[in-house]
Structure formats: structure tokens, C-alpha cells
Amino acid sequence: MRHPFPFSAIVGQDQMKQAMILTAVDPGIGGVLVFGDRGTGKSTAVRALAALLPPIQKVKGSATNAASLDDMPEWADEVSGELIEAPTPVIDLPLGTTEDRLVGALDIERALSRGEKAFAPGLLIRANRGYLYIDEV
């Protein structure tokens, strides 16, 4: 298992670190846009902060990282309802990502193989209750 660089060992970048800490303390802020030259530690800081946060309680098998069965969307697959601990998610948004990969779309494989209409969640949903890291904005 790889351990991220320690958040407290990041030197400088005080405004970036403060903004990231604020989003961890108050998720209602909604996020932070960090920009800087290559090699300034943006992705290192995101991964290091996420590693510091306590694990989230989520429904096992939930694509949305739902905290309870009440938080599960209608389109979600049936799950057992068992709660598990999971690390705070950090999801990378690759360059050139299509809209359907970002927000989700019809699960074509399931539609063709089983004849069922099902939703395939996108990266935004996987990042719920965590961080969506977008490099090279």
C-alpha cells in the first residue's frame, strides 16, 4: 500500500493548504479551485489531505458513497445495507473525459446482455463525499 506524502510536510503553499483544510472542515463550501505551475504540489496536497481525513461510513456496494440506505438514489442497484468504513475518495478526472463518463449514462453492457435499463454512474458520483481532482484545467 502506497502512503501519500504527509500533508504537514508540504512547505509553502499556505493559501492552498488553508483553502483545502477549510473544505475538509466545512464540506458546504463545495470545493476549491487550486491552480499553479506544474510541480507545485497540487495533486500531492489533495491526496495527502484525503489521507488525513477519517474514513467515511458508507453503504457497502454503494456507487454514491451513500451514508445510509435513505441516501441511496432510486436508480442504484440493490445493496445489503451493511455499513463499512472506506477511505475518503479521491477521484481523478482524466483529460478528454466525455460528458457521459463524467455524469453517467445508460449502462450499455447491461442493456445488451440482460435487456435491462440501468444507469452507469460517472466520476462525479464516485467522488461524492470526497474529492474530484481535475488536473490541467
Foldseek 3Di string as FASTA:
>chain_A
DDDADALVPQPDPVVVLVQVVVCVVPVVVVDDDDDDDPPNCPVSNQRNVLVVDFWAKAFPPQQQRHNFPVRHDPQDDDGDGDIDTDGQDEAEDDPPDDPCQAAWDWPVVCCVPVVDTGIDGHPVSNNHRHHYDYPPD
